[in-house]
Amino acid sequence: MSYTHSKNLWHLILFIGLLKVGTAFSQGSQAPIKVEYGIFIKKIVPDFKEGKFYSEFYWWLKFTNDTTRSSWKNSDITNIEYINAHESEIGSFANEVQEIKNIGSNRYYYTGFHQGDFYFNPDYTSYPFDEQILNITMENSLIPENELELVIDTSSFIASKSSKQHYGLSNDLMNNKSINFNIDKTKITTTTGLYNSNFGDPEFPSETRYSRINISVIIKRSFVPFITKLIIPLAIILFLVYFVFFIPADKIDIAAGLTVTSLLSAIAFQLSVNGDLPDIGYIIYIDKVFYSCYFLIAITMAQSLYTFYLDKTEIPEKVRLAKRIDVISRYLFPIIFVASIYLFI
């Protein structure tokens, strides 16, 4: 065999070897299928006491999948489940599909409509000035993260000319002023769901990660109705207590009647307010306001007893001191109440 023929044969063998290595490498490091997800929320009704919210929204998926080369069918790729849904049936996502389109070479478009309840973890620390985050979280229940990645369909949101803070929100939802909360913004993010269990299957890996997409709707309570329902009644109760500072020191029976009646009214009012909330094990803002009211009522009662004692001595200096305490208390009382409202927020 000539030198030229040997050289050509060597090049051919080298080319075939590199081709096999390249093919094996491309198969081993195949990029995950990217599934673009979009949402259009038309209705949200939170149930703060139960920690759930009802939502109605349209969704869509866009992805490229060559079924002749991929090991996954389109039905596998669209096998989505809601992580925090309430009473969601297995496979319910497929029943939501309303339309399927082929929008390009091996590129598909799915759209559907969902209505149902979702769980959320309410935080009432600042109630009634609280902010709640309502999450809608979903993932593919079959294909792990290294083979399928959920991404945000940002281009569709940009095309709709909506601001980044309001992606996926309908105008009707944004302009609804009849509800007791206001939609502040949305935040759409991608995360990873970790399952650190093989679920008893020895052939299953001990840890599996799935791509997730999370739509967070941030709502703020409309606090104006709560001002009229909470602060004004409390102010009326404290206004009755405030009369104690204008009652003569020797009228201890009238002062005691006003303070005790106001204290009982405030306690009953707090129980009524807390009845609208779930059982929580931490102190919230409105509790602190009530505690301030109890403190003011208790101090007022103690001040009445002290000025009564000073007045009964009939010593001119002590009588003048009792009157001076009443005058000072008339200014301190409202200042402490207003300060407690602002400082505890």
C-alpha atoms as a PDB file:
ATOM      1  CA  MET A   1       0.000   0.000   0.000  1.00  0.00           C
ATOM      2  CA  SER A   2       1.381   3.381  -0.976  1.00  0.00           C
ATOM      3  CA  TYR A   3       2.067   6.164   1.494  1.00  0.00           C
ATOM      4  CA  THR A   4      -0.790   8.250   0.062  1.00  0.00           C
ATOM      5  CA  HIS A   5      -3.314   5.420   0.442  1.00  0.00           C
ATOM      6  CA  SER A   6      -2.166   4.751   4.031  1.00  0.00           C
ATOM      7  CA  LYS A   7      -2.501   8.400   4.880  1.00  0.00           C
ATOM      8  CA  ASN A   8      -6.030   8.611   3.430  1.00  0.00           C
ATOM      9  CA  LEU A   9      -7.083   5.454   5.300  1.00  0.00           C
ATOM     10  CA  TRP A  10      -5.760   6.873   8.547  1.00  0.00           C
ATOM     11  CA  HIS A  11      -7.673  10.111   8.013  1.00  0.00           C
ATOM     12  CA  LEU A  12     -10.857   8.153   7.328  1.00  0.00           C
ATOM     13  CA  ILE A  13     -10.488   6.102  10.512  1.00  0.00           C
ATOM     14  CA  LEU A  14      -9.756   9.239  12.518  1.00  0.00           C
ATOM     15  CA  PHE A  15     -12.790  11.024  11.037  1.00  0.00           C
ATOM     16  CA  ILE A  16     -15.143   8.120  11.861  1.00  0.00           C
ATOM     17  CA  GLY A  17     -13.782   7.934  15.391  1.00  0.00           C
ATOM     18  CA  LEU A  18     -14.258  11.655  15.980  1.00  0.00           C
ATOM     19  CA  LEU A  19     -17.755  11.450  14.533  1.00  0.00           C
ATOM     20  CA  LYS A  20     -18.720   8.676  16.965  1.00  0.00           C
ATOM     21  CA  VAL A  21     -17.228  10.538  19.917  1.00  0.00           C
ATOM     22  CA  GLY A  22     -19.012  13.739  18.906  1.00  0.00           C
ATOM     23  CA  THR A  23     -22.306  11.918  18.519  1.00  0.00           C
ATOM     24  CA  ALA A  24     -21.962  10.249  21.900  1.00  0.00           C
ATOM     25  CA  PHE A  25     -21.024  13.533  23.525  1.00  0.00           C
ATOM     26  CA  SER A  26     -23.973  15.381  21.975  1.00  0.00           C
ATOM     27  CA  GLN A  27     -26.372  12.668  23.126  1.00  0.00           C
ATOM     28  CA  GLY A  28     -24.952  12.650  26.630  1.00  0.00           C
ATOM     29  CA  SER A  29     -25.092  16.426  26.989  1.00  0.00           C
ATOM     30  CA  GLN A  30     -28.337  17.111  25.148  1.00  0.00           C
ATOM     31  CA  ALA A  31     -29.827  20.437  26.227  1.00  0.00           C
ATOM     32  CA  PRO A  32     -33.095  20.213  28.156  1.00  0.00           C
ATOM     33  CA  ILE A  33     -36.352  20.965  26.408  1.00  0.00           C
ATOM     34  CA  LYS A  34     -37.322  24.551  27.163  1.00  0.00           C
ATOM     35  CA  VAL A  35     -41.030  25.041  27.796  1.00  0.00           C
ATOM     36  CA  GLU A  36     -42.146  28.665  27.736  1.00  0.00           C
ATOM     37  CA  TYR A  37     -45.009  29.342  30.148  1.00  0.00           C
ATOM     38  CA  GLY A  38     -47.368  32.300  30.229  1.00  0.00           C
ATOM     39  CA  ILE A  39     -50.396  33.203  32.317  1.00  0.00           C
ATOM     40  CA  PHE A  40     -53.283  35.666  32.227  1.00  0.00           C
ATOM     41  CA  ILE A  41     -55.086  35.943  35.577  1.00  0.00           C
ATOM     42  CA  LYS A  42     -58.638  37.236  35.419  1.00  0.00           C
ATOM     43  CA  LYS A  43     -59.895  36.563  38.945  1.00  0.00           C
ATOM     44  CA  ILE A  44     -58.521  36.184  42.475  1.00  0.00           C
ATOM     45  CA  VAL A  45     -60.648  35.788  45.607  1.00  0.00           C
ATOM     46  CA  PRO A  46     -58.635  35.241  48.814  1.00  0.00           C
ATOM     47  CA  ASP A  47     -60.029  33.501  51.877  1.00  0.00           C
ATOM     48  CA  PHE A  48     -57.767  34.872  54.603  1.00  0.00           C
ATOM     49  CA  LYS A  49     -59.258  32.818  57.411  1.00  0.00           C
ATOM     50  CA  GLU A  50     -58.820  29.481  55.615  1.00  0.00           C
ATOM     51  CA  GLY A  51     -55.448  30.345  54.051  1.00  0.00           C
ATOM     52  CA  LYS A  52     -56.715  29.699  50.514  1.00  0.00           C
ATOM     53  CA  PHE A  53     -57.526  31.735  47.446  1.00  0.00           C
ATOM     54  CA  TYR A  54     -59.686  31.029  44.418  1.00  0.00           C
ATOM     55  CA  SER A  55     -58.279  31.921  41.028  1.00  0.00           C
ATOM     56  CA  GLU A  56     -59.287  31.801  37.386  1.00  0.00           C
ATOM     57  CA  PHE A  57     -56.633  32.194  34.703  1.00  0.00           C
ATOM     58  CA  TYR A  58     -55.660  31.325  31.148  1.00  0.00           C
ATOM     59  CA  TRP A  59     -52.297  29.674  30.557  1.00  0.00           C
ATOM     60  CA  TRP A  60     -50.200  28.734  27.554  1.00  0.00           C
ATOM     61  CA  LEU A  61     -47.151  26.610  26.763  1.00  0.00           C
ATOM     62  CA  LYS A  62     -44.740  26.868  23.829  1.00  0.00           C
ATOM     63  CA  PHE A  63     -41.984  24.360  23.152  1.00  0.00           C
ATOM     64  CA  THR A  64     -40.000  22.609  20.426  1.00  0.00           C
ATOM     65  CA  ASN A  65     -39.970  18.814  20.403  1.00  0.00           C
ATOM     66  CA  ASP A  66     -38.875  16.519  17.588  1.00  0.00           C
ATOM     67  CA  THR A  67     -40.634  13.303  18.538  1.00  0.00           C
ATOM     68  CA  THR A  68     -38.458  11.332  16.079  1.00  0.00           C
ATOM     69  CA  ARG A  69     -35.349  12.199  18.125  1.00  0.00           C
ATOM     70  CA  SER A  70     -36.758  12.984  21.576  1.00  0.00           C
ATOM     71  CA  SER A  71     -37.553  10.280  24.099  1.00  0.00           C
ATOM     72  CA  TRP A  72     -40.546  12.286  25.328  1.00  0.00           C
ATOM     73  CA  LYS A  73     -43.981  12.688  23.803  1.00  0.00           C
ATOM     74  CA  ASN A  74     -45.815  16.006  23.795  1.00  0.00           C
ATOM     75  CA  SER A  75     -48.253  14.607  26.332  1.00  0.00           C
ATOM     76  CA  ASP A  76     -45.296  13.976  28.661  1.00  0.00           C
ATOM     77  CA  ILE A  77     -43.971  17.504  28.213  1.00  0.00           C
ATOM     78  CA  THR A  78     -47.376  18.998  29.016  1.00  0.00           C
ATOM     79  CA  ASN A  79     -47.915  16.766  32.041  1.00  0.00           C
ATOM     80  CA  ILE A  80     -47.945  19.708  34.446  1.00  0.00           C
ATOM     81  CA  GLU A  81     -49.192  19.631  38.037  1.00  0.00           C
ATOM     82  CA  TYR A  82     -50.025  22.421  40.485  1.00  0.00           C
ATOM     83  CA  ILE A  83     -47.883  22.053  43.580  1.00  0.00           C
ATOM     84  CA  ASN A  84     -50.039  24.083  45.991  1.00  0.00           C
ATOM     85  CA  ALA A  85     -53.481  23.434  44.521  1.00  0.00           C
ATOM     86  CA  HIS A  86     -56.388  22.517  46.782  1.00  0.00           C
ATOM     87  CA  GLU A  87     -58.068  19.227  45.866  1.00  0.00           C
ATOM     88  CA  SER A  88     -56.432  19.066  42.439  1.00  0.00           C
ATOM     89  CA  GLU A  89     -56.993  15.749  40.660  1.00  0.00           C
ATOM     90  CA  ILE A  90     -54.110  13.857  39.035  1.00  0.00           C
ATOM     91  CA  GLY A  91     -53.958  14.646  35.329  1.00  0.00           C
ATOM     92  CA  SER A  92     -56.364  17.572  35.640  1.00  0.00           C
ATOM     93  CA  PHE A  93     -53.993  19.808  33.672  1.00  0.00           C
ATOM     94  CA  ALA A  94     -54.660  17.820  30.491  1.00  0.00           C
ATOM     95  CA  ASN A  95     -58.398  18.404  30.923  1.00  0.00           C
ATOM     96  CA  GLU A  96     -57.806  22.159  30.925  1.00  0.00           C
ATOM     97  CA  VAL A  97     -56.372  22.218  27.396  1.00  0.00           C
ATOM     98  CA  GLN A  98     -58.571  24.226  25.036  1.00  0.00           C
ATOM     99  CA  GLU A  99     -56.412  24.478  21.917  1.00  0.00           C
ATOM    100  CA  ILE A 100     -53.302  22.870  20.403  1.00  0.00           C
ATOM    101  CA  LYS A 101     -51.400  24.395  17.478  1.00  0.00           C
ATOM    102  CA  ASN A 102     -48.346  23.571  15.408  1.00  0.00           C
ATOM    103  CA  ILE A 103     -46.642  26.977  15.137  1.00  0.00           C
ATOM    104  CA  GLY A 104     -43.449  25.921  13.366  1.00  0.00           C
ATOM    105  CA  SER A 105     -41.109  23.093  12.620  1.00  0.00           C
ATOM    106  CA  ASN A 106     -41.723  20.681  15.513  1.00  0.00           C
ATOM    107  CA  ARG A 107     -42.859  23.674  17.574  1.00  0.00           C
ATOM    108  CA  TYR A 108     -46.131  23.485  19.480  1.00  0.00           C
ATOM    109  CA  TYR A 109     -48.510  25.792  21.292  1.00  0.00           C
ATOM    110  CA  TYR A 110     -50.921  24.679  24.017  1.00  0.00           C
ATOM    111  CA  THR A 111     -53.422  26.896  25.790  1.00  0.00           C
ATOM    112  CA  GLY A 112     -56.038  26.251  28.448  1.00  0.00           C
ATOM    113  CA  PHE A 113     -58.071  27.620  31.314  1.00  0.00           C
ATOM    114  CA  HIS A 114     -57.863  26.823  35.040  1.00  0.00           C
ATOM    115  CA  GLN A 115     -60.202  27.583  37.902  1.00  0.00           C
ATOM    116  CA  GLY A 116     -59.713  26.357  41.445  1.00  0.00           C
ATOM    117  CA  ASP A 117     -58.327  26.968  44.927  1.00  0.00           C
ATOM    118  CA  PHE A 118     -54.711  27.293  46.008  1.00  0.00           C
ATOM    119  CA  TYR A 119     -53.115  27.288  49.445  1.00  0.00           C
ATOM    120  CA  PHE A 120     -51.053  30.192  50.728  1.00  0.00           C
ATOM    121  CA  ASN A 121     -49.362  31.053  54.022  1.00  0.00           C
ATOM    122  CA  PRO A 122     -50.863  34.317  55.292  1.00  0.00           C
ATOM    123  CA  ASP A 123     -48.771  36.612  57.464  1.00  0.00           C
ATOM    124  CA  TYR A 124     -50.895  38.789  59.749  1.00  0.00           C
ATOM    125  CA  THR A 125     -48.041  40.471  61.634  1.00  0.00           C
ATOM    126  CA  SER A 126     -49.026  43.909  60.300  1.00  0.00           C
ATOM    127  CA  TYR A 127     -52.802  43.323  60.184  1.00  0.00           C
ATOM    128  CA  PRO A 128     -54.762  45.333  59.023  1.00  0.00           C
ATOM    129  CA  PHE A 129     -51.858  46.839  57.061  1.00  0.00           C
ATOM    130  CA  ASP A 130     -50.651  43.412  55.969  1.00  0.00           C
ATOM    131  CA  GLU A 131     -49.277  42.330  52.617  1.00  0.00           C
ATOM    132  CA  GLN A 132     -50.025  38.818  51.388  1.00  0.00           C
ATOM    133  CA  ILE A 133     -48.268  36.756  48.718  1.00  0.00           C
ATOM    134  CA  LEU A 134     -50.503  34.408  46.721  1.00  0.00           C
ATOM    135  CA  ASN A 135     -48.429  31.781  44.922  1.00  0.00           C
ATOM    136  CA  ILE A 136     -49.361  29.570  41.991  1.00  0.00           C
ATOM    137  CA  THR A 137     -46.586  26.971  41.664  1.00  0.00           C
ATOM    138  CA  MET A 138     -46.332  24.254  39.032  1.00  0.00           C
ATOM    139  CA  GLU A 139     -43.880  21.710  37.654  1.00  0.00           C
ATOM    140  CA  ASN A 140     -43.713  18.832  35.223  1.00  0.00           C
ATOM    141  CA  SER A 141     -44.502  15.651  37.129  1.00  0.00           C
ATOM    142  CA  LEU A 142     -42.599  13.273  34.815  1.00  0.00           C
ATOM    143  CA  ILE A 143     -39.493  14.887  33.334  1.00  0.00           C
ATOM    144  CA  PRO A 144     -36.615  15.959  35.615  1.00  0.00           C
ATOM    145  CA  GLU A 145     -34.889  19.320  35.427  1.00  0.00           C
ATOM    146  CA  ASN A 146     -31.908  18.107  33.401  1.00  0.00           C
ATOM    147  CA  GLU A 147     -34.273  17.152  30.559  1.00  0.00           C
ATOM    148  CA  LEU A 148     -37.011  19.801  30.817  1.00  0.00           C
ATOM    149  CA  GLU A 149     -36.806  23.414  31.914  1.00  0.00           C
ATOM    150  CA  LEU A 150     -39.766  25.689  32.505  1.00  0.00           C
ATOM    151  CA  VAL A 151     -39.045  29.285  31.468  1.00  0.00           C
ATOM    152  CA  ILE A 152     -41.076  32.490  31.477  1.00  0.00           C
ATOM    153  CA  ASP A 153     -42.617  33.566  28.174  1.00  0.00           C
ATOM    154  CA  THR A 154     -41.283  37.088  28.621  1.00  0.00           C
ATOM    155  CA  SER A 155     -41.670  37.993  24.937  1.00  0.00           C
ATOM    156  CA  SER A 156     -45.452  37.496  25.093  1.00  0.00           C
ATOM    157  CA  PHE A 157     -45.729  39.684  28.202  1.00  0.00           C
ATOM    158  CA  ILE A 158     -43.656  42.403  26.538  1.00  0.00           C
ATOM    159  CA  ALA A 159     -45.836  42.208  23.422  1.00  0.00           C
ATOM    160  CA  SER A 160     -48.917  42.822  25.579  1.00  0.00           C
ATOM    161  CA  LYS A 161     -47.341  46.165  26.664  1.00  0.00           C
ATOM    162  CA  SER A 162     -47.903  45.432  30.329  1.00  0.00           C
ATOM    163  CA  SER A 163     -45.423  46.632  32.920  1.00  0.00           C
ATOM    164  CA  LYS A 164     -43.011  44.109  34.378  1.00  0.00           C
ATOM    165  CA  GLN A 165     -44.674  44.415  37.792  1.00  0.00           C
ATOM    166  CA  HIS A 166     -48.061  43.502  36.339  1.00  0.00           C
ATOM    167  CA  TYR A 167     -47.192  40.586  34.056  1.00  0.00           C
ATOM    168  CA  GLY A 168     -50.137  38.239  33.688  1.00  0.00           C
ATOM    169  CA  LEU A 169     -52.784  40.464  35.314  1.00  0.00           C
ATOM    170  CA  SER A 170     -55.986  41.427  33.515  1.00  0.00           C
ATOM    171  CA  ASN A 171     -57.190  45.024  33.499  1.00  0.00           C
ATOM    172  CA  ASP A 172     -60.461  43.943  35.113  1.00  0.00           C
ATOM    173  CA  LEU A 173     -58.552  42.520  38.046  1.00  0.00           C
ATOM    174  CA  MET A 174     -56.326  45.579  38.363  1.00  0.00           C
ATOM    175  CA  ASN A 175     -59.267  48.008  38.202  1.00  0.00           C
ATOM    176  CA  ASN A 176     -61.556  46.136  40.592  1.00  0.00           C
ATOM    177  CA  LYS A 177     -62.056  48.571  43.483  1.00  0.00           C
ATOM    178  CA  SER A 178     -64.985  46.791  45.130  1.00  0.00           C
ATOM    179  CA  ILE A 179     -62.821  44.225  46.927  1.00  0.00           C
ATOM    180  CA  ASN A 180     -61.183  44.651  50.320  1.00  0.00           C
ATOM    181  CA  PHE A 181     -57.653  44.346  48.963  1.00  0.00           C
ATOM    182  CA  ASN A 182     -55.573  45.902  46.199  1.00  0.00           C
ATOM    183  CA  ILE A 183     -53.400  44.085  43.680  1.00  0.00           C
ATOM    184  CA  ASP A 184     -49.896  45.474  44.108  1.00  0.00           C
ATOM    185  CA  LYS A 185     -47.800  43.513  41.627  1.00  0.00           C
ATOM    186  CA  THR A 186     -46.852  40.095  40.280  1.00  0.00           C
ATOM    187  CA  LYS A 187     -43.520  38.340  40.370  1.00  0.00           C
ATOM    188  CA  ILE A 188     -42.901  35.380  38.060  1.00  0.00           C
ATOM    189  CA  THR A 189     -39.829  33.297  38.850  1.00  0.00           C
ATOM    190  CA  THR A 190     -38.329  29.913  38.045  1.00  0.00           C
ATOM    191  CA  THR A 191     -37.166  27.619  40.840  1.00  0.00           C
ATOM    192  CA  THR A 192     -36.201  24.007  41.422  1.00  0.00           C
ATOM    193  CA  GLY A 193     -38.254  21.434  43.283  1.00  0.00           C
ATOM    194  CA  LEU A 194     -36.132  18.896  45.167  1.00  0.00           C
ATOM    195  CA  TYR A 195     -37.477  15.456  46.062  1.00  0.00           C
ATOM    196  CA  ASN A 196     -34.963  13.780  48.379  1.00  0.00           C
ATOM    197  CA  SER A 197     -36.528  10.329  48.208  1.00  0.00           C
ATOM    198  CA  ASN A 198     -36.607   7.409  45.807  1.00  0.00           C
ATOM    199  CA  PHE A 199     -40.140   6.615  47.027  1.00  0.00           C
ATOM    200  CA  GLY A 200     -39.070   3.045  47.797  1.00  0.00           C
ATOM    201  CA  ASP A 201     -38.033   2.295  44.208  1.00  0.00           C
ATOM    202  CA  PRO A 202     -34.411   1.000  44.198  1.00  0.00           C
ATOM    203  CA  GLU A 203     -34.053   1.945  40.515  1.00  0.00           C
ATOM    204  CA  PHE A 204     -35.062   5.523  41.234  1.00  0.00           C
ATOM    205  CA  PRO A 205     -32.392   8.105  42.248  1.00  0.00           C
ATOM    206  CA  SER A 206     -32.308   9.197  45.872  1.00  0.00           C
ATOM    207  CA  GLU A 207     -32.633  12.840  44.821  1.00  0.00           C
ATOM    208  CA  THR A 208     -34.603  14.213  41.889  1.00  0.00           C
ATOM    209  CA  ARG A 209     -34.929  17.824  40.800  1.00  0.00           C
ATOM    210  CA  TYR A 210     -37.777  19.242  38.749  1.00  0.00           C
ATOM    211  CA  SER A 211     -38.016  22.641  37.127  1.00  0.00           C
ATOM    212  CA  ARG A 212     -40.723  24.813  38.632  1.00  0.00           C
ATOM    213  CA  ILE A 213     -42.337  28.088  37.741  1.00  0.00           C
ATOM    214  CA  ASN A 214     -43.904  30.282  40.412  1.00  0.00           C
ATOM    215  CA  ILE A 215     -46.377  33.116  39.901  1.00  0.00           C
ATOM    216  CA  SER A 216     -46.592  35.341  42.967  1.00  0.00           C
ATOM    217  CA  VAL A 217     -49.438  37.825  43.189  1.00  0.00           C
ATOM    218  CA  ILE A 218     -48.733  40.373  45.924  1.00  0.00           C
ATOM    219  CA  ILE A 219     -51.841  41.956  47.405  1.00  0.00           C
ATOM    220  CA  LYS A 220     -52.206  44.685  49.996  1.00  0.00           C
ATOM    221  CA  ARG A 221     -55.242  45.029  52.193  1.00  0.00           C
ATOM    222  CA  SER A 222     -57.327  48.142  51.647  1.00  0.00           C
ATOM    223  CA  PHE A 223     -56.915  49.571  55.141  1.00  0.00           C
ATOM    224  CA  VAL A 224     -59.416  52.464  54.883  1.00  0.00           C
ATOM    225  CA  PRO A 225     -62.427  50.236  55.777  1.00  0.00           C
ATOM    226  CA  PHE A 226     -60.461  48.833  58.703  1.00  0.00           C
ATOM    227  CA  ILE A 227     -59.670  52.305  59.971  1.00  0.00           C
ATOM    228  CA  THR A 228     -63.396  52.992  60.205  1.00  0.00           C
ATOM    229  CA  LYS A 229     -64.088  49.582  61.743  1.00  0.00           C
ATOM    230  CA  LEU A 230     -61.192  49.477  64.202  1.00  0.00           C
ATOM    231  CA  ILE A 231     -59.569  52.796  64.995  1.00  0.00           C
ATOM    232  CA  ILE A 232     -62.733  54.906  65.207  1.00  0.00           C
ATOM    233  CA  PRO A 233     -64.547  52.532  67.651  1.00  0.00           C
ATOM    234  CA  LEU A 234     -61.392  52.352  69.762  1.00  0.00           C
ATOM    235  CA  ALA A 235     -61.115  56.134  69.716  1.00  0.00           C
ATOM    236  CA  ILE A 236     -64.715  56.402  70.957  1.00  0.00           C
ATOM    237  CA  ILE A 237     -63.992  53.978  73.814  1.00  0.00           C
ATOM    238  CA  LEU A 238     -60.898  55.943  74.803  1.00  0.00           C
ATOM    239  CA  PHE A 239     -62.781  59.206  74.454  1.00  0.00           C
ATOM    240  CA  LEU A 240     -65.080  58.050  77.253  1.00  0.00           C
ATOM    241  CA  VAL A 241     -62.021  57.278  79.358  1.00  0.00           C
ATOM    242  CA  TYR A 242     -60.626  60.713  78.507  1.00  0.00           C
ATOM    243  CA  PHE A 243     -63.574  62.339  80.354  1.00  0.00           C
ATOM    244  CA  VAL A 244     -62.067  61.079  83.607  1.00  0.00           C
ATOM    245  CA  PHE A 245     -59.484  63.884  83.477  1.00  0.00           C
ATOM    246  CA  PHE A 246     -62.283  66.489  83.598  1.00  0.00           C
ATOM    247  CA  ILE A 247     -64.190  64.894  86.477  1.00  0.00           C
ATOM    248  CA  PRO A 248     -63.515  66.304  89.966  1.00  0.00           C
ATOM    249  CA  ALA A 249     -61.097  64.182  91.933  1.00  0.00           C
ATOM    250  CA  ASP A 250     -63.687  63.384  94.614  1.00  0.00           C
ATOM    251  CA  LYS A 251     -66.029  61.733  92.047  1.00  0.00           C
ATOM    252  CA  ILE A 252     -64.123  58.468  92.144  1.00  0.00           C
ATOM    253  CA  ASP A 253     -67.271  56.396  91.567  1.00  0.00           C
ATOM    254  CA  ILE A 254     -67.922  58.056  88.192  1.00  0.00           C
ATOM    255  CA  ALA A 255     -64.277  57.705  87.150  1.00  0.00           C
ATOM    256  CA  ALA A 256     -64.235  54.026  88.139  1.00  0.00           C
ATOM    257  CA  GLY A 257     -67.462  53.372  86.233  1.00  0.00           C
ATOM    258  CA  LEU A 258     -66.119  54.949  83.046  1.00  0.00           C
ATOM    259  CA  THR A 259     -62.777  53.126  83.131  1.00  0.00           C
ATOM    260  CA  VAL A 260     -64.215  49.698  83.982  1.00  0.00           C
ATOM    261  CA  THR A 261     -66.952  49.999  81.342  1.00  0.00           C
ATOM    262  CA  SER A 262     -64.408  51.105  78.713  1.00  0.00           C
ATOM    263  CA  LEU A 263     -62.056  48.246  79.610  1.00  0.00           C
ATOM    264  CA  LEU A 264     -64.804  45.653  79.197  1.00  0.00           C
ATOM    265  CA  SER A 265     -65.881  47.235  75.911  1.00  0.00           C
ATOM    266  CA  ALA A 266     -62.320  47.140  74.563  1.00  0.00           C
ATOM    267  CA  ILE A 267     -61.906  43.469  75.508  1.00  0.00           C
ATOM    268  CA  ALA A 268     -65.190  42.523  73.836  1.00  0.00           C
ATOM    269  CA  PHE A 269     -64.210  44.521  70.764  1.00  0.00           C
ATOM    270  CA  GLN A 270     -60.844  42.758  70.484  1.00  0.00           C
ATOM    271  CA  LEU A 271     -62.506  39.349  70.716  1.00  0.00           C
ATOM    272  CA  SER A 272     -64.852  40.388  67.929  1.00  0.00           C
ATOM    273  CA  VAL A 273     -61.962  41.541  65.718  1.00  0.00           C
ATOM    274  CA  ASN A 274     -59.914  38.380  66.313  1.00  0.00           C
ATOM    275  CA  GLY A 275     -62.944  36.275  65.445  1.00  0.00           C
ATOM    276  CA  ASP A 276     -62.440  37.273  61.784  1.00  0.00           C
ATOM    277  CA  LEU A 277     -58.903  35.856  61.799  1.00  0.00           C
ATOM    278  CA  PRO A 278     -57.604  32.274  61.979  1.00  0.00           C
ATOM    279  CA  ASP A 279     -55.961  30.979  65.137  1.00  0.00           C
ATOM    280  CA  ILE A 280     -52.443  32.429  65.120  1.00  0.00           C
ATOM    281  CA  GLY A 281     -49.754  32.110  67.745  1.00  0.00           C
ATOM    282  CA  TYR A 282     -48.080  35.476  67.406  1.00  0.00           C
ATOM    283  CA  ILE A 283     -48.917  39.080  68.254  1.00  0.00           C
ATOM    284  CA  ILE A 284     -50.181  41.195  65.377  1.00  0.00           C
ATOM    285  CA  TYR A 285     -50.316  44.948  64.930  1.00  0.00           C
ATOM    286  CA  ILE A 286     -53.920  45.412  66.015  1.00  0.00           C
ATOM    287  CA  ASP A 287     -53.202  43.409  69.192  1.00  0.00           C
ATOM    288  CA  LYS A 288     -50.498  45.917  70.087  1.00  0.00           C
ATOM    289  CA  VAL A 289     -52.972  48.763  69.592  1.00  0.00           C
ATOM    290  CA  PHE A 290     -55.452  47.051  71.912  1.00  0.00           C
ATOM    291  CA  TYR A 291     -52.728  46.469  74.499  1.00  0.00           C
ATOM    292  CA  SER A 292     -51.933  50.180  74.344  1.00  0.00           C
ATOM    293  CA  CYS A 293     -55.596  50.904  75.017  1.00  0.00           C
ATOM    294  CA  TYR A 294     -55.609  48.559  78.005  1.00  0.00           C
ATOM    295  CA  PHE A 295     -52.479  50.268  79.299  1.00  0.00           C
ATOM    296  CA  LEU A 296     -54.055  53.716  78.942  1.00  0.00           C
ATOM    297  CA  ILE A 297     -57.259  52.623  80.673  1.00  0.00           C
ATOM    298  CA  ALA A 298     -55.290  51.018  83.530  1.00  0.00           C
ATOM    299  CA  ILE A 299     -53.085  54.114  83.950  1.00  0.00           C
ATOM    300  CA  THR A 300     -56.179  56.317  83.906  1.00  0.00           C
ATOM    301  CA  MET A 301     -57.745  54.240  86.661  1.00  0.00           C
ATOM    302  CA  ALA A 302     -54.538  54.431  88.731  1.00  0.00           C
ATOM    303  CA  GLN A 303     -54.318  58.185  88.123  1.00  0.00           C
ATOM    304  CA  SER A 304     -57.921  58.630  89.327  1.00  0.00           C
ATOM    305  CA  LEU A 305     -57.185  56.775  92.544  1.00  0.00           C
ATOM    306  CA  TYR A 306     -54.016  58.808  93.131  1.00  0.00           C
ATOM    307  CA  THR A 307     -55.661  62.190  92.524  1.00  0.00           C
ATOM    308  CA  PHE A 308     -58.588  61.109  94.741  1.00  0.00           C
ATOM    309  CA  TYR A 309     -56.089  60.342  97.521  1.00  0.00           C
ATOM    310  CA  LEU A 310     -54.345  63.716  97.039  1.00  0.00           C
ATOM    311  CA  ASP A 311     -57.647  65.600  97.071  1.00  0.00           C
ATOM    312  CA  LYS A 312     -58.892  63.824 100.205  1.00  0.00           C
ATOM    313  CA  THR A 313     -55.872  65.050 102.175  1.00  0.00           C
ATOM    314  CA  GLU A 314     -57.221  68.620 101.728  1.00  0.00           C
ATOM    315  CA  ILE A 315     -53.639  69.846 101.838  1.00  0.00           C
ATOM    316  CA  PRO A 316     -53.430  72.796  99.394  1.00  0.00           C
ATOM    317  CA  GLU A 317     -50.165  71.647  97.801  1.00  0.00           C
ATOM    318  CA  LYS A 318     -51.489  68.135  97.193  1.00  0.00           C
ATOM    319  CA  VAL A 319     -54.809  69.422  95.885  1.00  0.00           C
ATOM    320  CA  ARG A 320     -52.936  71.630  93.396  1.00  0.00           C
ATOM    321  CA  LEU A 321     -50.776  68.624  92.439  1.00  0.00           C
ATOM    322  CA  ALA A 322     -53.895  66.560  91.733  1.00  0.00           C
ATOM    323  CA  LYS A 323     -55.228  69.278  89.407  1.00  0.00           C
ATOM    324  CA  ARG A 324     -51.831  69.556  87.706  1.00  0.00           C
ATOM    325  CA  ILE A 325     -51.762  65.794  87.079  1.00  0.00           C
ATOM    326  CA  ASP A 326     -55.212  65.993  85.483  1.00  0.00           C
ATOM    327  CA  VAL A 327     -54.084  68.781  83.152  1.00  0.00           C
ATOM    328  CA  ILE A 328     -50.890  66.976  82.130  1.00  0.00           C
ATOM    329  CA  SER A 329     -52.820  63.746  81.557  1.00  0.00           C
ATOM    330  CA  ARG A 330     -55.189  65.508  79.165  1.00  0.00           C
ATOM    331  CA  TYR A 331     -52.216  66.044  76.819  1.00  0.00           C
ATOM    332  CA  LEU A 332     -50.305  62.818  77.416  1.00  0.00           C
ATOM    333  CA  PHE A 333     -53.294  60.522  76.915  1.00  0.00           C
ATOM    334  CA  PRO A 334     -54.002  61.317  73.214  1.00  0.00           C
ATOM    335  CA  ILE A 335     -50.282  61.605  72.434  1.00  0.00           C
ATOM    336  CA  ILE A 336     -49.607  58.085  73.715  1.00  0.00           C
ATOM    337  CA  PHE A 337     -52.588  56.683  71.796  1.00  0.00           C
ATOM    338  CA  VAL A 338     -51.610  58.293  68.472  1.00  0.00           C
ATOM    339  CA  ALA A 339     -47.955  57.348  68.962  1.00  0.00           C
ATOM    340  CA  SER A 340     -48.869  53.715  69.585  1.00  0.00           C
ATOM    341  CA  ILE A 341     -50.757  53.590  66.280  1.00  0.00           C
ATOM    342  CA  TYR A 342     -47.717  54.770  64.311  1.00  0.00           C
ATOM    343  CA  LEU A 343     -44.876  53.180  66.274  1.00  0.00           C
ATOM    344  CA  PHE A 344     -46.263  49.644  66.126  1.00  0.00           C
ATOM    345  CA  ILE A 345     -46.709  49.562  62.347  1.00  0.00           C
END
